[in-house]
Amino acid sequence: MPVDAAAIMTRAVVTVGPDDTVTRVAEVLTKHGISAVPVCEKDGTVVGMISEGDLMRPFGQENALRRDWWLNLIAEGTELSQEFLDYIRLDRRRARDLMSRTVVSASVSTSLPELADLLSRHRIKRVPILKDGKLVGIVSRADIVRALAHGEAAAADGARALRS
């Protein structure tokens, strides 16, 4: 019997909402030991994916240099108050501001080879599984590897049984 997404997907999917703060998203990723999460509306519609990399992007050196340039332009040689500097350094972004909006997804009937192709072709680590447009599961690379290992073990057991 062919293996499909429904057979290997994780059904209890951790999600965040589009209005969740960067801090909340970071807490969810840390608490669950995952590196990315679907961003869903209350009705289960997937509107994006957000990863550790997405969260780190605003804090990188390139953005710090750009922010410093703007601050110098605003100050025009005068010293800005520490309160103002602290205010603009606070990150008020939400999941919707940082998430990837183009989501590669699959259906519950997508086969194991098709799932593997999707992950490889799009260079992603996980794919949300949708049914009737709503999130019902997620398949990661680890799920596919486990299924492959299980399939090899089952095939080996079957071959041993035939030889007996």
N, C-alpha and C. Protein backbone atom coordinates (compact mmCIF):
# COMPACT_ATOMS: atom_id res chain seq x y z
N MET A 1 0.85 -1.18 0.00
CA MET A 1 0.00 0.00 0.00
C MET A 1 0.90 1.24 0.00
N PRO A 2 0.68 2.17 -0.93
CA PRO A 2 1.51 3.38 -1.01
C PRO A 2 1.32 4.26 0.23
N VAL A 3 2.41 4.90 0.64
CA VAL A 3 2.38 5.80 1.79
C VAL A 3 2.03 7.20 1.29
N ASP A 4 1.09 7.84 1.98
CA ASP A 4 0.72 9.21 1.61
C ASP A 4 0.88 10.13 2.82
N ALA A 5 0.60 11.40 2.60
CA ALA A 5 0.78 12.41 3.66
C ALA A 5 -0.03 12.07 4.91
N ALA A 6 -1.26 11.59 4.71
CA ALA A 6 -2.12 11.27 5.86
C ALA A 6 -1.48 10.22 6.76
N ALA A 7 -0.70 9.32 6.19
CA ALA A 7 -0.09 8.24 6.97
C ALA A 7 1.11 8.70 7.79
N ILE A 8 1.79 9.75 7.38
CA ILE A 8 3.03 10.13 8.06
C ILE A 8 3.00 11.52 8.70
N MET A 9 1.95 12.28 8.45
CA MET A 9 1.93 13.67 8.93
C MET A 9 1.74 13.74 10.44
N THR A 10 2.24 14.83 11.01
CA THR A 10 1.97 15.17 12.40
C THR A 10 0.63 15.89 12.40
N ARG A 11 -0.31 15.39 13.18
CA ARG A 11 -1.66 15.95 13.17
C ARG A 11 -1.84 17.10 14.17
N ALA A 12 -1.14 17.04 15.27
CA ALA A 12 -1.23 18.10 16.28
C ALA A 12 -0.21 19.17 15.92
N VAL A 13 -0.58 20.05 15.00
CA VAL A 13 0.34 21.04 14.48
C VAL A 13 0.34 22.29 15.36
N VAL A 14 1.53 22.73 15.71
CA VAL A 14 1.70 23.97 16.46
C VAL A 14 1.61 25.10 15.44
N THR A 15 0.81 26.12 15.74
CA THR A 15 0.65 27.26 14.84
C THR A 15 0.74 28.56 15.62
N VAL A 16 0.88 29.65 14.88
CA VAL A 16 0.77 30.99 15.45
C VAL A 16 -0.22 31.76 14.58
N GLY A 17 -0.69 32.88 15.12
CA GLY A 17 -1.60 33.73 14.37
C GLY A 17 -0.85 34.87 13.71
N PRO A 18 -1.43 35.47 12.69
CA PRO A 18 -0.76 36.56 11.98
C PRO A 18 -0.49 37.78 12.85
N ASP A 19 -1.24 37.97 13.92
CA ASP A 19 -1.04 39.12 14.79
C ASP A 19 -0.18 38.81 16.00
N ASP A 20 0.33 37.59 16.11
CA ASP A 20 1.23 37.25 17.21
C ASP A 20 2.52 38.04 17.07
N THR A 21 3.07 38.46 18.21
CA THR A 21 4.30 39.24 18.21
C THR A 21 5.51 38.35 17.91
N VAL A 22 6.61 38.99 17.55
CA VAL A 22 7.86 38.28 17.32
C VAL A 22 8.24 37.51 18.59
N THR A 23 8.04 38.12 19.74
CA THR A 23 8.35 37.46 21.01
C THR A 23 7.52 36.20 21.18
N ARG A 24 6.24 36.29 20.88
CA ARG A 24 5.34 35.12 21.01
C ARG A 24 5.77 34.02 20.06
N VAL A 25 6.10 34.35 18.83
CA VAL A 25 6.53 33.35 17.85
C VAL A 25 7.81 32.68 18.36
N ALA A 26 8.75 33.46 18.84
CA ALA A 26 10.01 32.92 19.37
C ALA A 26 9.75 31.98 20.55
N GLU A 27 8.82 32.36 21.42
CA GLU A 27 8.46 31.51 22.55
C GLU A 27 7.89 30.18 22.08
N VAL A 28 7.02 30.20 21.09
CA VAL A 28 6.40 28.98 20.56
C VAL A 28 7.46 28.06 19.95
N LEU A 29 8.34 28.63 19.13
CA LEU A 29 9.40 27.83 18.51
C LEU A 29 10.29 27.19 19.58
N THR A 30 10.66 27.97 20.58
CA THR A 30 11.54 27.48 21.64
C THR A 30 10.85 26.41 22.48
N LYS A 31 9.64 26.68 22.89
CA LYS A 31 8.89 25.75 23.76
C LYS A 31 8.73 24.39 23.10
N HIS A 32 8.48 24.38 21.80
CA HIS A 32 8.20 23.12 21.10
C HIS A 32 9.43 22.53 20.41
N GLY A 33 10.56 23.22 20.48
CA GLY A 33 11.78 22.70 19.87
C GLY A 33 11.68 22.54 18.36
N ILE A 34 11.03 23.51 17.73
CA ILE A 34 10.86 23.49 16.27
C ILE A 34 11.50 24.73 15.67
N SER A 35 11.74 24.71 14.36
CA SER A 35 12.43 25.84 13.74
C SER A 35 11.53 26.68 12.85
N ALA A 36 10.29 26.26 12.67
CA ALA A 36 9.33 27.05 11.87
C ALA A 36 7.93 26.60 12.22
N VAL A 37 6.98 27.45 11.88
CA VAL A 37 5.59 27.18 12.24
C VAL A 37 4.66 27.81 11.21
N PRO A 38 3.53 27.14 10.90
CA PRO A 38 2.55 27.77 10.02
C PRO A 38 1.88 28.95 10.73
N VAL A 39 1.57 29.97 9.95
CA VAL A 39 0.82 31.12 10.45
C VAL A 39 -0.60 30.93 9.93
N CYS A 40 -1.57 30.80 10.85
CA CYS A 40 -2.94 30.48 10.47
C CYS A 40 -3.95 31.48 11.02
N GLU A 41 -4.97 31.69 10.22
CA GLU A 41 -6.13 32.44 10.70
C GLU A 41 -6.88 31.53 11.67
N LYS A 42 -7.82 32.07 12.41
CA LYS A 42 -8.58 31.30 13.40
C LYS A 42 -9.31 30.12 12.78
N ASP A 43 -9.70 30.22 11.51
CA ASP A 43 -10.45 29.14 10.86
C ASP A 43 -9.55 28.04 10.30
N GLY A 44 -8.23 28.12 10.52
CA GLY A 44 -7.31 27.09 10.05
C GLY A 44 -6.72 27.34 8.69
N THR A 45 -7.04 28.47 8.08
CA THR A 45 -6.46 28.83 6.79
C THR A 45 -5.01 29.25 6.99
N VAL A 46 -4.11 28.61 6.23
CA VAL A 46 -2.69 28.94 6.32
C VAL A 46 -2.43 30.19 5.48
N VAL A 47 -1.86 31.21 6.12
CA VAL A 47 -1.57 32.47 5.42
C VAL A 47 -0.07 32.70 5.26
N GLY A 48 0.74 31.84 5.91
CA GLY A 48 2.18 31.99 5.79
C GLY A 48 2.92 30.96 6.62
N MET A 49 4.24 31.04 6.54
CA MET A 49 5.13 30.22 7.37
C MET A 49 6.15 31.20 7.95
N ILE A 50 6.54 30.96 9.20
CA ILE A 50 7.56 31.81 9.81
C ILE A 50 8.60 30.91 10.47
N SER A 51 9.85 31.24 10.23
CA SER A 51 10.96 30.41 10.70
C SER A 51 11.89 31.21 11.59
N GLU A 52 12.84 30.49 12.19
CA GLU A 52 13.86 31.16 12.99
C GLU A 52 14.61 32.20 12.14
N GLY A 53 14.89 31.84 10.90
CA GLY A 53 15.58 32.76 10.00
C GLY A 53 14.79 34.04 9.77
N ASP A 54 13.47 33.90 9.63
CA ASP A 54 12.62 35.08 9.44
C ASP A 54 12.69 35.99 10.67
N LEU A 55 12.73 35.38 11.86
CA LEU A 55 12.79 36.16 13.09
C LEU A 55 14.12 36.87 13.25
N MET A 56 15.19 36.27 12.76
CA MET A 56 16.53 36.84 12.93
C MET A 56 16.82 37.99 11.95
N ARG A 57 16.18 37.96 10.81
CA ARG A 57 16.48 38.93 9.75
C ARG A 57 16.48 40.39 10.21
N PRO A 58 15.49 40.86 10.96
CA PRO A 58 15.49 42.28 11.36
C PRO A 58 16.63 42.66 12.30
N PHE A 59 17.25 41.68 12.94
CA PHE A 59 18.28 41.98 13.92
C PHE A 59 19.69 41.85 13.36
N GLY A 60 19.79 41.59 12.08
CA GLY A 60 21.10 41.41 11.45
C GLY A 60 21.88 42.71 11.32
N GLN A 61 23.15 42.59 11.04
CA GLN A 61 24.07 43.71 10.92
C GLN A 61 23.64 44.69 9.84
N GLU A 62 23.15 44.17 8.71
CA GLU A 62 22.74 45.05 7.60
C GLU A 62 21.64 46.01 8.04
N ASN A 63 20.66 45.50 8.76
CA ASN A 63 19.58 46.37 9.23
C ASN A 63 20.06 47.34 10.30
N ALA A 64 21.00 46.92 11.14
CA ALA A 64 21.53 47.83 12.16
C ALA A 64 22.25 49.00 11.50
N LEU A 65 23.03 48.75 10.45
CA LEU A 65 23.72 49.82 9.73
C LEU A 65 22.73 50.79 9.10
N ARG A 66 21.69 50.24 8.49
CA ARG A 66 20.66 51.08 7.86
C ARG A 66 19.96 51.94 8.91
N ARG A 67 19.66 51.35 10.08
CA ARG A 67 19.00 52.07 11.17
C ARG A 67 19.89 53.20 11.68
N ASP A 68 21.19 52.91 11.83
CA ASP A 68 22.14 53.94 12.27
C ASP A 68 22.19 55.10 11.28
N TRP A 69 22.17 54.79 9.99
CA TRP A 69 22.21 55.83 8.96
C TRP A 69 20.99 56.74 9.10
N TRP A 70 19.79 56.14 9.26
CA TRP A 70 18.58 56.93 9.42
C TRP A 70 18.61 57.77 10.69
N LEU A 71 19.12 57.20 11.76
CA LEU A 71 19.20 57.97 13.01
C LEU A 71 20.10 59.19 12.85
N ASN A 72 21.24 59.00 12.18
CA ASN A 72 22.13 60.13 11.94
C ASN A 72 21.45 61.19 11.09
N LEU A 73 20.68 60.76 10.09
CA LEU A 73 19.97 61.70 9.23
C LEU A 73 18.92 62.47 10.03
N ILE A 74 18.19 61.78 10.89
CA ILE A 74 17.15 62.42 11.71
C ILE A 74 17.77 63.39 12.70
N ALA A 75 18.88 62.99 13.31
CA ALA A 75 19.49 63.81 14.36
C ALA A 75 20.12 65.08 13.81
N GLU A 76 20.59 65.06 12.59
CA GLU A 76 21.25 66.20 11.96
C GLU A 76 22.27 66.85 12.90
N GLY A 77 23.12 66.00 13.49
CA GLY A 77 24.19 66.53 14.32
C GLY A 77 23.80 66.76 15.76
N THR A 78 22.52 66.65 16.12
CA THR A 78 22.13 66.81 17.51
C THR A 78 22.00 65.43 18.15
N GLU A 79 22.07 65.42 19.46
CA GLU A 79 22.00 64.15 20.17
C GLU A 79 20.53 63.78 20.40
N LEU A 80 20.19 62.56 20.07
CA LEU A 80 18.82 62.08 20.29
C LEU A 80 18.69 61.57 21.72
N SER A 81 17.51 61.73 22.31
CA SER A 81 17.31 61.28 23.68
C SER A 81 17.35 59.76 23.75
N GLN A 82 17.82 59.24 24.87
CA GLN A 82 17.91 57.79 25.05
C GLN A 82 16.51 57.16 24.99
N GLU A 83 15.53 57.87 25.50
CA GLU A 83 14.16 57.37 25.47
C GLU A 83 13.69 57.15 24.03
N PHE A 84 13.98 58.10 23.15
CA PHE A 84 13.61 57.98 21.75
C PHE A 84 14.35 56.81 21.10
N LEU A 85 15.64 56.68 21.38
CA LEU A 85 16.43 55.59 20.82
C LEU A 85 15.90 54.23 21.27
N ASP A 86 15.56 54.12 22.54
CA ASP A 86 15.01 52.86 23.06
C ASP A 86 13.67 52.55 22.40
N TYR A 87 12.86 53.57 22.20
CA TYR A 87 11.55 53.39 21.58
C TYR A 87 11.68 52.83 20.16
N ILE A 88 12.56 53.40 19.36
CA ILE A 88 12.65 52.93 17.97
C ILE A 88 13.38 51.60 17.84
N ARG A 89 14.11 51.20 18.88
CA ARG A 89 14.79 49.89 18.84
C ARG A 89 13.84 48.75 19.18
N LEU A 90 12.74 49.04 19.85
CA LEU A 90 11.79 47.99 20.18
C LEU A 90 11.19 47.43 18.89
N ASP A 91 11.13 46.12 18.82
CA ASP A 91 10.57 45.51 17.62
C ASP A 91 9.09 45.24 17.84
N ARG A 92 8.27 45.95 17.13
CA ARG A 92 6.83 45.82 17.26
C ARG A 92 6.22 45.01 16.12
N ARG A 93 7.05 44.34 15.37
CA ARG A 93 6.54 43.57 14.24
C ARG A 93 5.74 42.36 14.71
N ARG A 94 4.88 41.93 13.84
CA ARG A 94 4.01 40.78 14.07
C ARG A 94 4.41 39.67 13.09
N ALA A 95 3.87 38.50 13.32
CA ALA A 95 4.15 37.36 12.44
C ALA A 95 3.87 37.73 10.98
N ARG A 96 2.78 38.45 10.74
CA ARG A 96 2.41 38.81 9.37
C ARG A 96 3.47 39.69 8.69
N ASP A 97 4.26 40.41 9.48
CA ASP A 97 5.29 41.29 8.92
C ASP A 97 6.53 40.53 8.47
N LEU A 98 6.79 39.39 9.06
CA LEU A 98 8.03 38.66 8.79
C LEU A 98 7.84 37.32 8.09
N MET A 99 6.61 36.81 8.06
CA MET A 99 6.37 35.47 7.51
C MET A 99 6.57 35.42 6.00
N SER A 100 6.82 34.21 5.52
CA SER A 100 6.84 33.97 4.08
C SER A 100 5.39 33.74 3.67
N ARG A 101 4.92 34.53 2.72
CA ARG A 101 3.52 34.45 2.32
C ARG A 101 3.25 33.37 1.27
N THR A 102 4.27 33.01 0.54
CA THR A 102 4.12 31.96 -0.45
C THR A 102 4.34 30.63 0.26
N VAL A 103 3.26 29.89 0.44
CA VAL A 103 3.34 28.63 1.19
C VAL A 103 3.17 27.46 0.23
N VAL A 104 4.16 26.58 0.25
CA VAL A 104 4.08 25.34 -0.51
C VAL A 104 3.32 24.37 0.39
N SER A 105 2.24 23.81 -0.11
CA SER A 105 1.43 22.89 0.69
C SER A 105 1.12 21.64 -0.12
N ALA A 106 0.55 20.66 0.56
CA ALA A 106 0.18 19.40 -0.09
C ALA A 106 -1.16 18.95 0.49
N SER A 107 -1.74 17.95 -0.13
CA SER A 107 -3.01 17.40 0.36
C SER A 107 -2.73 16.10 1.11
N VAL A 108 -3.74 15.61 1.81
CA VAL A 108 -3.59 14.37 2.58
C VAL A 108 -3.27 13.18 1.69
N SER A 109 -3.62 13.25 0.42
CA SER A 109 -3.37 12.12 -0.49
C SER A 109 -2.06 12.23 -1.27
N THR A 110 -1.27 13.25 -1.01
CA THR A 110 0.01 13.41 -1.70
C THR A 110 0.93 12.25 -1.30
N SER A 111 1.53 11.60 -2.28
CA SER A 111 2.37 10.42 -2.03
C SER A 111 3.71 10.81 -1.43
N LEU A 112 4.36 9.82 -0.83
CA LEU A 112 5.68 10.03 -0.23
C LEU A 112 6.69 10.56 -1.25
N PRO A 113 6.79 9.97 -2.45
CA PRO A 113 7.73 10.53 -3.43
C PRO A 113 7.40 11.98 -3.83
N GLU A 114 6.10 12.28 -3.94
CA GLU A 114 5.71 13.66 -4.28
C GLU A 114 6.08 14.62 -3.15
N LEU A 115 5.91 14.19 -1.90
CA LEU A 115 6.29 15.03 -0.77
C LEU A 115 7.79 15.28 -0.77
N ALA A 116 8.56 14.22 -0.99
CA ALA A 116 10.02 14.36 -1.03
C ALA A 116 10.42 15.31 -2.15
N ASP A 117 9.79 15.19 -3.30
CA ASP A 117 10.09 16.09 -4.42
C ASP A 117 9.77 17.54 -4.08
N LEU A 118 8.62 17.77 -3.43
CA LEU A 118 8.22 19.13 -3.03
C LEU A 118 9.28 19.76 -2.12
N LEU A 119 9.69 19.02 -1.11
CA LEU A 119 10.67 19.55 -0.16
C LEU A 119 11.99 19.84 -0.85
N SER A 120 12.42 18.92 -1.71
CA SER A 120 13.69 19.11 -2.42
C SER A 120 13.62 20.26 -3.41
N ARG A 121 12.58 20.27 -4.22
CA ARG A 121 12.45 21.28 -5.28
C ARG A 121 12.36 22.70 -4.71
N HIS A 122 11.65 22.86 -3.61
CA HIS A 122 11.44 24.19 -3.02
C HIS A 122 12.43 24.51 -1.90
N ARG A 123 13.32 23.55 -1.62
CA ARG A 123 14.34 23.72 -0.57
C ARG A 123 13.72 24.15 0.75
N ILE A 124 12.70 23.38 1.14
CA ILE A 124 12.01 23.64 2.40
C ILE A 124 12.16 22.42 3.30
N LYS A 125 11.89 22.61 4.58
CA LYS A 125 12.08 21.54 5.55
C LYS A 125 10.78 20.90 6.01
N ARG A 126 9.66 21.52 5.68
CA ARG A 126 8.37 21.00 6.09
C ARG A 126 7.30 21.52 5.14
N VAL A 127 6.20 20.78 5.05
CA VAL A 127 5.11 21.20 4.17
C VAL A 127 3.78 21.03 4.93
N PRO A 128 2.99 22.09 5.00
CA PRO A 128 1.66 21.98 5.63
C PRO A 128 0.76 21.09 4.76
N ILE A 129 -0.05 20.29 5.42
CA ILE A 129 -0.99 19.41 4.73
C ILE A 129 -2.38 20.00 4.91
N LEU A 130 -3.04 20.22 3.77
CA LEU A 130 -4.36 20.86 3.79
C LEU A 130 -5.46 19.91 3.32
N LYS A 131 -6.64 20.09 3.90
CA LYS A 131 -7.83 19.39 3.46
C LYS A 131 -8.94 20.43 3.42
N ASP A 132 -9.56 20.57 2.27
CA ASP A 132 -10.60 21.59 2.08
C ASP A 132 -10.07 22.98 2.44
N GLY A 133 -8.80 23.23 2.14
CA GLY A 133 -8.19 24.54 2.36
C GLY A 133 -7.77 24.83 3.79
N LYS A 134 -7.94 23.87 4.68
CA LYS A 134 -7.62 24.07 6.10
C LYS A 134 -6.46 23.16 6.51
N LEU A 135 -5.67 23.63 7.46
CA LEU A 135 -4.52 22.88 7.96
C LEU A 135 -4.99 21.66 8.75
N VAL A 136 -4.50 20.47 8.36
CA VAL A 136 -4.83 19.25 9.10
C VAL A 136 -3.58 18.50 9.56
N GLY A 137 -2.41 18.94 9.09
CA GLY A 137 -1.18 18.27 9.50
C GLY A 137 0.02 18.95 8.90
N ILE A 138 1.19 18.39 9.20
CA ILE A 138 2.43 18.90 8.62
C ILE A 138 3.37 17.71 8.44
N VAL A 139 4.11 17.73 7.34
CA VAL A 139 5.10 16.69 7.07
C VAL A 139 6.47 17.36 6.99
N SER A 140 7.39 16.84 7.79
CA SER A 140 8.76 17.37 7.79
C SER A 140 9.68 16.38 7.08
N ARG A 141 10.90 16.81 6.84
CA ARG A 141 11.90 15.92 6.25
C ARG A 141 12.09 14.70 7.14
N ALA A 142 12.10 14.91 8.45
CA ALA A 142 12.28 13.80 9.39
C ALA A 142 11.15 12.77 9.25
N ASP A 143 9.92 13.23 9.03
CA ASP A 143 8.79 12.31 8.83
C ASP A 143 9.02 11.43 7.60
N ILE A 144 9.53 12.03 6.55
CA ILE A 144 9.79 11.29 5.31
C ILE A 144 10.91 10.28 5.53
N VAL A 145 11.97 10.70 6.20
CA VAL A 145 13.09 9.78 6.47
C VAL A 145 12.61 8.61 7.33
N ARG A 146 11.79 8.88 8.35
CA ARG A 146 11.24 7.81 9.19
C ARG A 146 10.41 6.84 8.36
N ALA A 147 9.58 7.39 7.47
CA ALA A 147 8.75 6.54 6.62
C ALA A 147 9.61 5.68 5.71
N LEU A 148 10.67 6.25 5.18
CA LEU A 148 11.57 5.48 4.32
C LEU A 148 12.25 4.38 5.13
N ALA A 149 12.71 4.70 6.33
CA ALA A 149 13.36 3.70 7.18
C ALA A 149 12.38 2.59 7.54
N HIS A 150 11.16 2.97 7.86
CA HIS A 150 10.13 1.99 8.21
C HIS A 150 9.81 1.11 7.01
N GLY A 151 9.74 1.71 5.83
CA GLY A 151 9.46 0.96 4.61
C GLY A 151 10.56 -0.03 4.30
N GLU A 152 11.81 0.37 4.47
CA GLU A 152 12.96 -0.53 4.25
C GLU A 152 12.91 -1.68 5.25
N ALA A 153 12.60 -1.37 6.51
CA ALA A 153 12.54 -2.41 7.54
C ALA A 153 11.42 -3.38 7.23
N ALA A 154 10.27 -2.84 6.81
CA ALA A 154 9.13 -3.71 6.48
C ALA A 154 9.46 -4.59 5.28
N ALA A 155 10.14 -4.03 4.29
CA ALA A 155 10.52 -4.81 3.10
C ALA A 155 11.51 -5.91 3.49
N ALA A 156 12.46 -5.59 4.37
CA ALA A 156 13.43 -6.59 4.82
C ALA A 156 12.74 -7.69 5.61
N ASP A 157 11.79 -7.34 6.47
CA ASP A 157 11.05 -8.33 7.24
C ASP A 157 10.26 -9.25 6.31
N GLY A 158 9.66 -8.66 5.28
CA GLY A 158 8.89 -9.45 4.31
C GLY A 158 9.78 -10.42 3.55
N ALA A 159 10.97 -9.96 3.16
CA ALA A 159 11.91 -10.81 2.44
C ALA A 159 12.38 -11.96 3.33
N ARG A 160 12.62 -11.68 4.60
CA ARG A 160 13.04 -12.73 5.55
C ARG A 160 11.93 -13.76 5.71
N ALA A 161 10.69 -13.28 5.79
CA ALA A 161 9.56 -14.19 5.95
C ALA A 161 9.42 -15.10 4.72
N LEU A 162 9.67 -14.58 3.53
CA LEU A 162 9.58 -15.39 2.31
C LEU A 162 10.67 -16.46 2.28
N ARG A 163 11.87 -16.15 2.80
CA ARG A 163 12.97 -17.10 2.81
C ARG A 163 12.76 -18.21 3.82
N SER A 164 11.96 -17.96 4.83
CA SER A 164 11.77 -18.94 5.91
C SER A 164 10.91 -20.10 5.50
